[in-house]
Amino acid sequence: MPGENEKTLYATFDTREAADRAIEHLVQQYGIDRSDVFVEADGADNTAGTAPSGGDMLNREGEGTRTDAALEGKLKVSVDLALDDMEKAQAAFRDAGARDVSSS
């Protein structure tokens, strides 16, 4: 839980690839500690997003796209951060294709 000078920023993503890209930007480009970043399903079902991406697209056993990916909903990424880091974290989320960005 964030302290007095901290907030939690939340965003949802359609694909695991986009969520991973946002996390990478937060950590590598903006210096956010990886232990302050969390990713989970935005709902009760296991999911890799709403659309196939990355490893969910390649069918290694034959032609075409895999059909067994858990595409049951969006992914939610949250990050606990200092108020001074809010703008850069919002930029990282937007650059990666975030939807529904909010904070608490």
PDB file of N, CA and C in Angstrom:
ATOM      1  N   MET A   1       0.842  -1.177   0.000  1.00  0.00           N
ATOM      2  CA  MET A   1       0.000   0.000   0.000  1.00  0.00           C
ATOM      3  C   MET A   1       0.890   1.244   0.000  1.00  0.00           C
ATOM      4  N   PRO A   2       0.621   2.171  -0.893  1.00  0.00           N
ATOM      5  CA  PRO A   2       1.455   3.358  -1.007  1.00  0.00           C
ATOM      6  C   PRO A   2       1.347   4.265   0.215  1.00  0.00           C
ATOM      7  N   GLY A   3       2.420   5.005   0.466  1.00  0.00           N
ATOM      8  CA  GLY A   3       2.447   5.950   1.569  1.00  0.00           C
ATOM      9  C   GLY A   3       1.882   7.299   1.163  1.00  0.00           C
ATOM     10  N   GLU A   4       2.133   8.297   2.005  1.00  0.00           N
ATOM     11  CA  GLU A   4       1.575   9.635   1.819  1.00  0.00           C
ATOM     12  C   GLU A   4       2.017  10.294   0.511  1.00  0.00           C
ATOM     13  N   ASN A   5       3.249  10.095   0.102  1.00  0.00           N
ATOM     14  CA  ASN A   5       3.779  10.708  -1.122  1.00  0.00           C
ATOM     15  C   ASN A   5       3.822   9.728  -2.279  1.00  0.00           C
ATOM     16  N   GLU A   6       3.000   8.706  -2.216  1.00  0.00           N
ATOM     17  CA  GLU A   6       2.967   7.677  -3.256  1.00  0.00           C
ATOM     18  C   GLU A   6       1.533   7.426  -3.705  1.00  0.00           C
ATOM     19  N   LYS A   7       1.419   6.863  -4.884  1.00  0.00           N
ATOM     20  CA  LYS A   7       0.128   6.448  -5.423  1.00  0.00           C
ATOM     21  C   LYS A   7       0.310   5.122  -6.130  1.00  0.00           C
ATOM     22  N   THR A   8      -0.802   4.480  -6.417  1.00  0.00           N
ATOM     23  CA  THR A   8      -0.792   3.299  -7.267  1.00  0.00           C
ATOM     24  C   THR A   8      -1.452   3.680  -8.577  1.00  0.00           C
ATOM     25  N   LEU A   9      -0.771   3.404  -9.671  1.00  0.00           N
ATOM     26  CA  LEU A   9      -1.284   3.669 -11.007  1.00  0.00           C
ATOM     27  C   LEU A   9      -1.702   2.346 -11.613  1.00  0.00           C
ATOM     28  N   TYR A  10      -2.881   2.314 -12.238  1.00  0.00           N
ATOM     29  CA  TYR A  10      -3.431   1.104 -12.845  1.00  0.00           C
ATOM     30  C   TYR A  10      -3.692   1.346 -14.324  1.00  0.00           C
ATOM     31  N   ALA A  11      -3.544   0.297 -15.130  1.00  0.00           N
ATOM     32  CA  ALA A  11      -3.923   0.364 -16.538  1.00  0.00           C
ATOM     33  C   ALA A  11      -4.271  -1.038 -17.010  1.00  0.00           C
ATOM     34  N   THR A  12      -5.158  -1.117 -17.991  1.00  0.00           N
ATOM     35  CA  THR A  12      -5.482  -2.415 -18.578  1.00  0.00           C
ATOM     36  C   THR A  12      -4.916  -2.482 -19.993  1.00  0.00           C
ATOM     37  N   PHE A  13      -4.614  -3.713 -20.405  1.00  0.00           N
ATOM     38  CA  PHE A  13      -4.012  -3.973 -21.712  1.00  0.00           C
ATOM     39  C   PHE A  13      -4.742  -5.123 -22.387  1.00  0.00           C
ATOM     40  N   ASP A  14      -4.827  -5.062 -23.712  1.00  0.00           N
ATOM     41  CA  ASP A  14      -5.501  -6.109 -24.480  1.00  0.00           C
ATOM     42  C   ASP A  14      -4.653  -7.357 -24.654  1.00  0.00           C
ATOM     43  N   THR A  15      -3.327  -7.213 -24.614  1.00  0.00           N
ATOM     44  CA  THR A  15      -2.448  -8.369 -24.841  1.00  0.00           C
ATOM     45  C   THR A  15      -1.358  -8.440 -23.779  1.00  0.00           C
ATOM     46  N   ARG A  16      -0.864  -9.635 -23.564  1.00  0.00           N
ATOM     47  CA  ARG A  16       0.257  -9.825 -22.637  1.00  0.00           C
ATOM     48  C   ARG A  16       1.487  -9.101 -23.168  1.00  0.00           C
ATOM     49  N   GLU A  17       1.647  -9.105 -24.478  1.00  0.00           N
ATOM     50  CA  GLU A  17       2.779  -8.427 -25.102  1.00  0.00           C
ATOM     51  C   GLU A  17       2.787  -6.935 -24.751  1.00  0.00           C
ATOM     52  N   ALA A  18       1.633  -6.281 -24.815  1.00  0.00           N
ATOM     53  CA  ALA A  18       1.542  -4.859 -24.480  1.00  0.00           C
ATOM     54  C   ALA A  18       1.809  -4.627 -22.993  1.00  0.00           C
ATOM     55  N   ALA A  19       1.274  -5.491 -22.136  1.00  0.00           N
ATOM     56  CA  ALA A  19       1.520  -5.375 -20.693  1.00  0.00           C
ATOM     57  C   ALA A  19       3.009  -5.529 -20.397  1.00  0.00           C
ATOM     58  N   ASP A  20       3.644  -6.514 -21.018  1.00  0.00           N
ATOM     59  CA  ASP A  20       5.082  -6.725 -20.817  1.00  0.00           C
ATOM     60  C   ASP A  20       5.897  -5.529 -21.309  1.00  0.00           C
ATOM     61  N   ARG A  21       5.476  -4.939 -22.434  1.00  0.00           N
ATOM     62  CA  ARG A  21       6.179  -3.771 -22.971  1.00  0.00           C
ATOM     63  C   ARG A  21       6.080  -2.601 -21.984  1.00  0.00           C
ATOM     64  N   ALA A  22       4.903  -2.400 -21.390  1.00  0.00           N
ATOM     65  CA  ALA A  22       4.735  -1.330 -20.401  1.00  0.00           C
ATOM     66  C   ALA A  22       5.638  -1.557 -19.197  1.00  0.00           C
ATOM     67  N   ILE A  23       5.689  -2.790 -18.718  1.00  0.00           N
ATOM     68  CA  ILE A  23       6.538  -3.119 -17.570  1.00  0.00           C
ATOM     69  C   ILE A  23       8.003  -2.868 -17.907  1.00  0.00           C
ATOM     70  N   GLU A  24       8.410  -3.290 -19.101  1.00  0.00           N
ATOM     71  CA  GLU A  24       9.796  -3.080 -19.533  1.00  0.00           C
ATOM     72  C   GLU A  24      10.133  -1.594 -19.567  1.00  0.00           C
ATOM     73  N   HIS A  25       9.226  -0.773 -20.098  1.00  0.00           N
ATOM     74  CA  HIS A  25       9.470   0.667 -20.149  1.00  0.00           C
ATOM     75  C   HIS A  25       9.564   1.257 -18.748  1.00  0.00           C
ATOM     76  N   LEU A  26       8.668   0.855 -17.854  1.00  0.00           N
ATOM     77  CA  LEU A  26       8.707   1.365 -16.482  1.00  0.00           C
ATOM     78  C   LEU A  26      10.049   1.067 -15.821  1.00  0.00           C
ATOM     79  N   VAL A  27      10.512  -0.156 -15.974  1.00  0.00           N
ATOM     80  CA  VAL A  27      11.724  -0.600 -15.287  1.00  0.00           C
ATOM     81  C   VAL A  27      12.991  -0.105 -15.980  1.00  0.00           C
ATOM     82  N   GLN A  28      13.095  -0.332 -17.287  1.00  0.00           N
ATOM     83  CA  GLN A  28      14.343  -0.046 -17.984  1.00  0.00           C
ATOM     84  C   GLN A  28      14.503   1.410 -18.383  1.00  0.00           C
ATOM     85  N   GLN A  29      13.435   2.047 -18.835  1.00  0.00           N
ATOM     86  CA  GLN A  29      13.561   3.423 -19.301  1.00  0.00           C
ATOM     87  C   GLN A  29      13.344   4.452 -18.204  1.00  0.00           C
ATOM     88  N   TYR A  30      12.495   4.118 -17.224  1.00  0.00           N
ATOM     89  CA  TYR A  30      12.128   5.109 -16.217  1.00  0.00           C
ATOM     90  C   TYR A  30      12.630   4.784 -14.818  1.00  0.00           C
ATOM     91  N   GLY A  31      13.319   3.656 -14.638  1.00  0.00           N
ATOM     92  CA  GLY A  31      13.952   3.348 -13.369  1.00  0.00           C
ATOM     93  C   GLY A  31      13.028   2.951 -12.236  1.00  0.00           C
ATOM     94  N   ILE A  32      11.804   2.527 -12.542  1.00  0.00           N
ATOM     95  CA  ILE A  32      10.876   2.060 -11.510  1.00  0.00           C
ATOM     96  C   ILE A  32      11.340   0.676 -11.055  1.00  0.00           C
ATOM     97  N   ASP A  33      11.350   0.438  -9.764  1.00  0.00           N
ATOM     98  CA  ASP A  33      11.772  -0.860  -9.215  1.00  0.00           C
ATOM     99  C   ASP A  33      10.777  -1.945  -9.632  1.00  0.00           C
ATOM    100  N   ARG A  34      11.284  -3.043 -10.187  1.00  0.00           N
ATOM    101  CA  ARG A  34      10.420  -4.124 -10.690  1.00  0.00           C
ATOM    102  C   ARG A  34       9.528  -4.697  -9.591  1.00  0.00           C
ATOM    103  N   SER A  35       9.989  -4.668  -8.342  1.00  0.00           N
ATOM    104  CA  SER A  35       9.183  -5.218  -7.251  1.00  0.00           C
ATOM    105  C   SER A  35       7.958  -4.354  -6.937  1.00  0.00           C
ATOM    106  N   ASP A  36       7.868  -3.165  -7.537  1.00  0.00           N
ATOM    107  CA  ASP A  36       6.711  -2.289  -7.351  1.00  0.00           C
ATOM    108  C   ASP A  36       5.707  -2.396  -8.493  1.00  0.00           C
ATOM    109  N   VAL A  37       5.951  -3.304  -9.444  1.00  0.00           N
ATOM    110  CA  VAL A  37       5.084  -3.466 -10.613  1.00  0.00           C
ATOM    111  C   VAL A  37       4.415  -4.835 -10.553  1.00  0.00           C
ATOM    112  N   PHE A  38       3.101  -4.853 -10.806  1.00  0.00           N
ATOM    113  CA  PHE A  38       2.329  -6.090 -10.709  1.00  0.00           C
ATOM    114  C   PHE A  38       1.463  -6.259 -11.954  1.00  0.00           C
ATOM    115  N   VAL A  39       1.268  -7.512 -12.379  1.00  0.00           N
ATOM    116  CA  VAL A  39       0.379  -7.798 -13.507  1.00  0.00           C
ATOM    117  C   VAL A  39      -0.538  -8.942 -13.109  1.00  0.00           C
ATOM    118  N   GLU A  40      -1.810  -8.820 -13.489  1.00  0.00           N
ATOM    119  CA  GLU A  40      -2.803  -9.838 -13.157  1.00  0.00           C
ATOM    120  C   GLU A  40      -3.953  -9.756 -14.151  1.00  0.00           C
ATOM    121  N   ALA A  41      -4.786 -10.771 -14.150  1.00  0.00           N
ATOM    122  CA  ALA A  41      -5.992 -10.752 -14.972  1.00  0.00           C
ATOM    123  C   ALA A  41      -6.910  -9.658 -14.458  1.00  0.00           C
ATOM    124  N   ASP A  42      -7.576  -8.960 -15.356  1.00  0.00           N
ATOM    125  CA  ASP A  42      -8.554  -7.948 -14.967  1.00  0.00           C
ATOM    126  C   ASP A  42      -9.919  -8.627 -14.879  1.00  0.00           C
ATOM    127  N   GLY A  43     -10.041  -9.513 -13.929  1.00  0.00           N
ATOM    128  CA  GLY A  43     -11.247 -10.317 -13.744  1.00  0.00           C
ATOM    129  C   GLY A  43     -10.875 -11.633 -13.100  1.00  0.00           C
ATOM    130  N   ALA A  44     -11.841 -12.530 -13.017  1.00  0.00           N
ATOM    131  CA  ALA A  44     -11.634 -13.787 -12.295  1.00  0.00           C
ATOM    132  C   ALA A  44     -10.982 -14.881 -13.135  1.00  0.00           C
ATOM    133  N   ASP A  45     -11.078 -14.786 -14.454  1.00  0.00           N
ATOM    134  CA  ASP A  45     -10.574 -15.858 -15.315  1.00  0.00           C
ATOM    135  C   ASP A  45      -9.095 -15.690 -15.636  1.00  0.00           C
ATOM    136  N   ASN A  46      -8.391 -16.828 -15.807  1.00  0.00           N
ATOM    137  CA  ASN A  46      -7.023 -16.815 -16.291  1.00  0.00           C
ATOM    138  C   ASN A  46      -7.035 -16.244 -17.705  1.00  0.00           C
ATOM    139  N   THR A  47      -6.099 -15.370 -18.018  1.00  0.00           N
ATOM    140  CA  THR A  47      -6.105 -14.762 -19.342  1.00  0.00           C
ATOM    141  C   THR A  47      -4.712 -14.345 -19.782  1.00  0.00           C
ATOM    142  N   ALA A  48      -4.523 -14.325 -21.085  1.00  0.00           N
ATOM    143  CA  ALA A  48      -3.320 -13.778 -21.702  1.00  0.00           C
ATOM    144  C   ALA A  48      -3.688 -12.525 -22.487  1.00  0.00           C
ATOM    145  N   GLY A  49      -4.892 -12.007 -22.247  1.00  0.00           N
ATOM    146  CA  GLY A  49      -5.374 -10.823 -22.946  1.00  0.00           C
ATOM    147  C   GLY A  49      -6.637 -11.122 -23.721  1.00  0.00           C
ATOM    148  N   THR A  50      -6.997 -10.205 -24.615  1.00  0.00           N
ATOM    149  CA  THR A  50      -8.204 -10.378 -25.420  1.00  0.00           C
ATOM    150  C   THR A  50      -7.901 -10.749 -26.864  1.00  0.00           C
ATOM    151  N   ALA A  51      -6.623 -10.694 -27.239  1.00  0.00           N
ATOM    152  CA  ALA A  51      -6.220 -11.019 -28.610  1.00  0.00           C
ATOM    153  C   ALA A  51      -4.882 -11.746 -28.571  1.00  0.00           C
ATOM    154  N   PRO A  52      -4.657 -12.669 -29.501  1.00  0.00           N
ATOM    155  CA  PRO A  52      -3.373 -13.373 -29.516  1.00  0.00           C
ATOM    156  C   PRO A  52      -2.222 -12.421 -29.834  1.00  0.00           C
ATOM    157  N   SER A  53      -1.081 -12.668 -29.195  1.00  0.00           N
ATOM    158  CA  SER A  53       0.127 -11.894 -29.474  1.00  0.00           C
ATOM    159  C   SER A  53       1.326 -12.725 -29.064  1.00  0.00           C
ATOM    160  N   GLY A  54       2.484 -12.383 -29.579  1.00  0.00           N
ATOM    161  CA  GLY A  54       3.711 -13.082 -29.203  1.00  0.00           C
ATOM    162  C   GLY A  54       3.609 -14.577 -29.377  1.00  0.00           C
ATOM    163  N   GLY A  55       3.952 -15.331 -28.335  1.00  0.00           N
ATOM    164  CA  GLY A  55       3.943 -16.789 -28.377  1.00  0.00           C
ATOM    165  C   GLY A  55       2.562 -17.391 -28.533  1.00  0.00           C
ATOM    166  N   ASP A  56       1.518 -16.612 -28.266  1.00  0.00           N
ATOM    167  CA  ASP A  56       0.160 -17.117 -28.445  1.00  0.00           C
ATOM    168  C   ASP A  56      -0.239 -17.176 -29.914  1.00  0.00           C
ATOM    169  N   MET A  57       0.537 -16.557 -30.788  1.00  0.00           N
ATOM    170  CA  MET A  57       0.165 -16.517 -32.199  1.00  0.00           C
ATOM    171  C   MET A  57       0.737 -17.679 -32.994  1.00  0.00           C
ATOM    172  N   LEU A  58       1.947 -18.103 -32.646  1.00  0.00           N
ATOM    173  CA  LEU A  58       2.630 -19.136 -33.422  1.00  0.00           C
ATOM    174  C   LEU A  58       2.156 -20.520 -33.077  1.00  0.00           C
ATOM    175  N   ASN A  59       1.793 -21.265 -34.052  1.00  0.00           N
ATOM    176  CA  ASN A  59       1.439 -22.665 -33.835  1.00  0.00           C
ATOM    177  C   ASN A  59       2.666 -23.495 -34.176  1.00  0.00           C
ATOM    178  N   ARG A  60       3.397 -23.916 -33.178  1.00  0.00           N
ATOM    179  CA  ARG A  60       4.641 -24.654 -33.397  1.00  0.00           C
ATOM    180  C   ARG A  60       4.396 -26.075 -33.904  1.00  0.00           C
ATOM    181  N   GLU A  61       3.174 -26.521 -33.824  1.00  0.00           N
ATOM    182  CA  GLU A  61       2.854 -27.889 -34.242  1.00  0.00           C
ATOM    183  C   GLU A  61       2.251 -27.953 -35.637  1.00  0.00           C
ATOM    184  N   GLY A  62       2.195 -26.849 -36.314  1.00  0.00           N
ATOM    185  CA  GLY A  62       1.620 -26.856 -37.649  1.00  0.00           C
ATOM    186  C   GLY A  62       1.429 -25.447 -38.169  1.00  0.00           C
ATOM    187  N   GLU A  63       0.580 -25.312 -39.146  1.00  0.00           N
ATOM    188  CA  GLU A  63       0.325 -24.024 -39.781  1.00  0.00           C
ATOM    189  C   GLU A  63      -0.687 -23.203 -38.990  1.00  0.00           C
ATOM    190  N   GLY A  64      -0.627 -21.888 -39.157  1.00  0.00           N
ATOM    191  CA  GLY A  64      -1.653 -21.019 -38.604  1.00  0.00           C
ATOM    192  C   GLY A  64      -1.422 -20.571 -37.176  1.00  0.00           C
ATOM    193  N   THR A  65      -2.470 -20.001 -36.627  1.00  0.00           N
ATOM    194  CA  THR A  65      -2.448 -19.431 -35.286  1.00  0.00           C
ATOM    195  C   THR A  65      -2.889 -20.451 -34.260  1.00  0.00           C
ATOM    196  N   ARG A  66      -2.281 -20.411 -33.095  1.00  0.00           N
ATOM    197  CA  ARG A  66      -2.708 -21.277 -31.993  1.00  0.00           C
ATOM    198  C   ARG A  66      -4.153 -20.955 -31.632  1.00  0.00           C
ATOM    199  N   THR A  67      -4.857 -21.962 -31.194  1.00  0.00           N
ATOM    200  CA  THR A  67      -6.248 -21.763 -30.791  1.00  0.00           C
ATOM    201  C   THR A  67      -6.467 -22.039 -29.309  1.00  0.00           C
ATOM    202  N   ASP A  68      -5.395 -22.340 -28.575  1.00  0.00           N
ATOM    203  CA  ASP A  68      -5.554 -22.717 -27.171  1.00  0.00           C
ATOM    204  C   ASP A  68      -5.138 -21.629 -26.180  1.00  0.00           C
ATOM    205  N   ALA A  69      -4.865 -20.418 -26.644  1.00  0.00           N
ATOM    206  CA  ALA A  69      -4.469 -19.344 -25.730  1.00  0.00           C
ATOM    207  C   ALA A  69      -5.654 -18.937 -24.858  1.00  0.00           C
ATOM    208  N   ALA A  70      -5.382 -18.627 -23.608  1.00  0.00           N
ATOM    209  CA  ALA A  70      -6.432 -18.189 -22.676  1.00  0.00           C
ATOM    210  C   ALA A  70      -6.733 -16.714 -22.931  1.00  0.00           C
ATOM    211  N   LEU A  71      -7.665 -16.452 -23.832  1.00  0.00           N
ATOM    212  CA  LEU A  71      -8.034 -15.081 -24.192  1.00  0.00           C
ATOM    213  C   LEU A  71      -9.377 -14.748 -23.545  1.00  0.00           C
ATOM    214  N   GLU A  72      -9.353 -14.604 -22.230  1.00  0.00           N
ATOM    215  CA  GLU A  72     -10.584 -14.463 -21.454  1.00  0.00           C
ATOM    216  C   GLU A  72     -10.808 -13.059 -20.912  1.00  0.00           C
ATOM    217  N   GLY A  73      -9.991 -12.096 -21.295  1.00  0.00           N
ATOM    218  CA  GLY A  73     -10.173 -10.732 -20.808  1.00  0.00           C
ATOM    219  C   GLY A  73      -8.865  -9.960 -20.798  1.00  0.00           C
ATOM    220  N   LYS A  74      -8.960  -8.722 -20.385  1.00  0.00           N
ATOM    221  CA  LYS A  74      -7.794  -7.844 -20.360  1.00  0.00           C
ATOM    222  C   LYS A  74      -6.873  -8.174 -19.195  1.00  0.00           C
ATOM    223  N   LEU A  75      -5.670  -7.629 -19.265  1.00  0.00           N
ATOM    224  CA  LEU A  75      -4.682  -7.742 -18.193  1.00  0.00           C
ATOM    225  C   LEU A  75      -4.560  -6.392 -17.495  1.00  0.00           C
ATOM    226  N   LYS A  76      -4.389  -6.427 -16.191  1.00  0.00           N
ATOM    227  CA  LYS A  76      -4.228  -5.200 -15.412  1.00  0.00           C
ATOM    228  C   LYS A  76      -2.798  -5.127 -14.887  1.00  0.00           C
ATOM    229  N   VAL A  77      -2.150  -4.004 -15.159  1.00  0.00           N
ATOM    230  CA  VAL A  77      -0.820  -3.729 -14.623  1.00  0.00           C
ATOM    231  C   VAL A  77      -0.981  -2.599 -13.614  1.00  0.00           C
ATOM    232  N   SER A  78      -0.363  -2.766 -12.456  1.00  0.00           N
ATOM    233  CA  SER A  78      -0.369  -1.700 -11.452  1.00  0.00           C
ATOM    234  C   SER A  78       1.058  -1.455 -10.994  1.00  0.00           C
ATOM    235  N   VAL A  79       1.302  -0.225 -10.585  1.00  0.00           N
ATOM    236  CA  VAL A  79       2.636   0.140 -10.105  1.00  0.00           C
ATOM    237  C   VAL A  79       2.490   1.108  -8.937  1.00  0.00           C
ATOM    238  N   ASP A  80       3.197   0.808  -7.851  1.00  0.00           N
ATOM    239  CA  ASP A  80       3.273   1.700  -6.697  1.00  0.00           C
ATOM    240  C   ASP A  80       4.459   2.624  -6.929  1.00  0.00           C
ATOM    241  N   LEU A  81       4.219   3.934  -6.888  1.00  0.00           N
ATOM    242  CA  LEU A  81       5.301   4.853  -7.211  1.00  0.00           C
ATOM    243  C   LEU A  81       5.149   6.192  -6.513  1.00  0.00           C
ATOM    244  N   ALA A  82       6.253   6.919  -6.477  1.00  0.00           N
ATOM    245  CA  ALA A  82       6.265   8.263  -5.908  1.00  0.00           C
ATOM    246  C   ALA A  82       5.460   9.194  -6.801  1.00  0.00           C
ATOM    247  N   LEU A  83       4.843  10.201  -6.191  1.00  0.00           N
ATOM    248  CA  LEU A  83       4.047  11.162  -6.956  1.00  0.00           C
ATOM    249  C   LEU A  83       4.866  11.798  -8.073  1.00  0.00           C
ATOM    250  N   ASP A  84       6.159  12.005  -7.841  1.00  0.00           N
ATOM    251  CA  ASP A  84       7.037  12.603  -8.856  1.00  0.00           C
ATOM    252  C   ASP A  84       7.190  11.724 -10.090  1.00  0.00           C
ATOM    253  N   ASP A  85       6.903  10.432  -9.976  1.00  0.00           N
ATOM    254  CA  ASP A  85       7.066   9.501 -11.093  1.00  0.00           C
ATOM    255  C   ASP A  85       5.772   9.248 -11.865  1.00  0.00           C
ATOM    256  N   MET A  86       4.666   9.881 -11.460  1.00  0.00           N
ATOM    257  CA  MET A  86       3.370   9.610 -12.084  1.00  0.00           C
ATOM    258  C   MET A  86       3.361   9.885 -13.585  1.00  0.00           C
ATOM    259  N   GLU A  87       3.879  11.037 -13.997  1.00  0.00           N
ATOM    260  CA  GLU A  87       3.821  11.398 -15.416  1.00  0.00           C
ATOM    261  C   GLU A  87       4.590  10.415 -16.283  1.00  0.00           C
ATOM    262  N   LYS A  88       5.789  10.028 -15.848  1.00  0.00           N
ATOM    263  CA  LYS A  88       6.565   9.104 -16.678  1.00  0.00           C
ATOM    264  C   LYS A  88       5.932   7.720 -16.704  1.00  0.00           C
ATOM    265  N   ALA A  89       5.311   7.299 -15.614  1.00  0.00           N
ATOM    266  CA  ALA A  89       4.634   6.002 -15.603  1.00  0.00           C
ATOM    267  C   ALA A  89       3.403   6.040 -16.507  1.00  0.00           C
ATOM    268  N   GLN A  90       2.653   7.137 -16.471  1.00  0.00           N
ATOM    269  CA  GLN A  90       1.503   7.273 -17.367  1.00  0.00           C
ATOM    270  C   GLN A  90       1.957   7.244 -18.824  1.00  0.00           C
ATOM    271  N   ALA A  91       3.080   7.884 -19.122  1.00  0.00           N
ATOM    272  CA  ALA A  91       3.621   7.880 -20.484  1.00  0.00           C
ATOM    273  C   ALA A  91       4.007   6.469 -20.906  1.00  0.00           C
ATOM    274  N   ALA A  92       4.635   5.717 -20.010  1.00  0.00           N
ATOM    275  CA  ALA A  92       5.015   4.335 -20.329  1.00  0.00           C
ATOM    276  C   ALA A  92       3.776   3.501 -20.617  1.00  0.00           C
ATOM    277  N   PHE A  93       2.732   3.663 -19.818  1.00  0.00           N
ATOM    278  CA  PHE A  93       1.483   2.932 -20.052  1.00  0.00           C
ATOM    279  C   PHE A  93       0.872   3.326 -21.396  1.00  0.00           C
ATOM    280  N   ARG A  94       0.780   4.627 -21.668  1.00  0.00           N
ATOM    281  CA  ARG A  94       0.184   5.089 -22.933  1.00  0.00           C
ATOM    282  C   ARG A  94       0.985   4.587 -24.129  1.00  0.00           C
ATOM    283  N   ASP A  95       2.310   4.685 -24.053  1.00  0.00           N
ATOM    284  CA  ASP A  95       3.168   4.258 -25.161  1.00  0.00           C
ATOM    285  C   ASP A  95       3.002   2.779 -25.478  1.00  0.00           C
ATOM    286  N   ALA A  96       2.650   1.987 -24.482  1.00  0.00           N
ATOM    287  CA  ALA A  96       2.485   0.542 -24.673  1.00  0.00           C
ATOM    288  C   ALA A  96       1.053   0.163 -25.048  1.00  0.00           C
ATOM    289  N   GLY A  97       0.159   1.151 -25.164  1.00  0.00           N
ATOM    290  CA  GLY A  97      -1.209   0.863 -25.588  1.00  0.00           C
ATOM    291  C   GLY A  97      -2.200   0.646 -24.462  1.00  0.00           C
ATOM    292  N   ALA A  98      -1.953   1.263 -23.313  1.00  0.00           N
ATOM    293  CA  ALA A  98      -2.835   1.082 -22.155  1.00  0.00           C
ATOM    294  C   ALA A  98      -4.237   1.601 -22.420  1.00  0.00           C
ATOM    295  N   ARG A  99      -5.183   0.985 -21.719  1.00  0.00           N
ATOM    296  CA  ARG A  99      -6.573   1.428 -21.715  1.00  0.00           C
ATOM    297  C   ARG A  99      -6.962   1.664 -20.259  1.00  0.00           C
ATOM    298  N   ASP A 100      -7.894   2.545 -20.020  1.00  0.00           N
ATOM    299  CA  ASP A 100      -8.446   2.746 -18.675  1.00  0.00           C
ATOM    300  C   ASP A 100      -7.368   3.009 -17.627  1.00  0.00           C
ATOM    301  N   VAL A 101      -6.534   4.007 -17.838  1.00  0.00           N
ATOM    302  CA  VAL A 101      -5.495   4.366 -16.870  1.00  0.00           C
ATOM    303  C   VAL A 101      -6.145   5.135 -15.722  1.00  0.00           C
ATOM    304  N   SER A 102      -5.838   4.724 -14.486  1.00  0.00           N
ATOM    305  CA  SER A 102      -6.393   5.393 -13.303  1.00  0.00           C
ATOM    306  C   SER A 102      -5.393   5.290 -12.160  1.00  0.00           C
ATOM    307  N   SER A 103      -5.663   6.018 -11.075  1.00  0.00           N
ATOM    308  CA  SER A 103      -4.774   5.951  -9.913  1.00  0.00           C
ATOM    309  C   SER A 103      -5.583   5.991  -8.627  1.00  0.00           C
ATOM    310  N   SER A 104      -4.929   5.574  -7.550  1.00  0.00           N
ATOM    311  CA  SER A 104      -5.560   5.652  -6.228  1.00  0.00           C
ATOM    312  C   SER A 104      -4.507   5.994  -5.195  1.00  0.00           C
TER     313      SER A 104
END
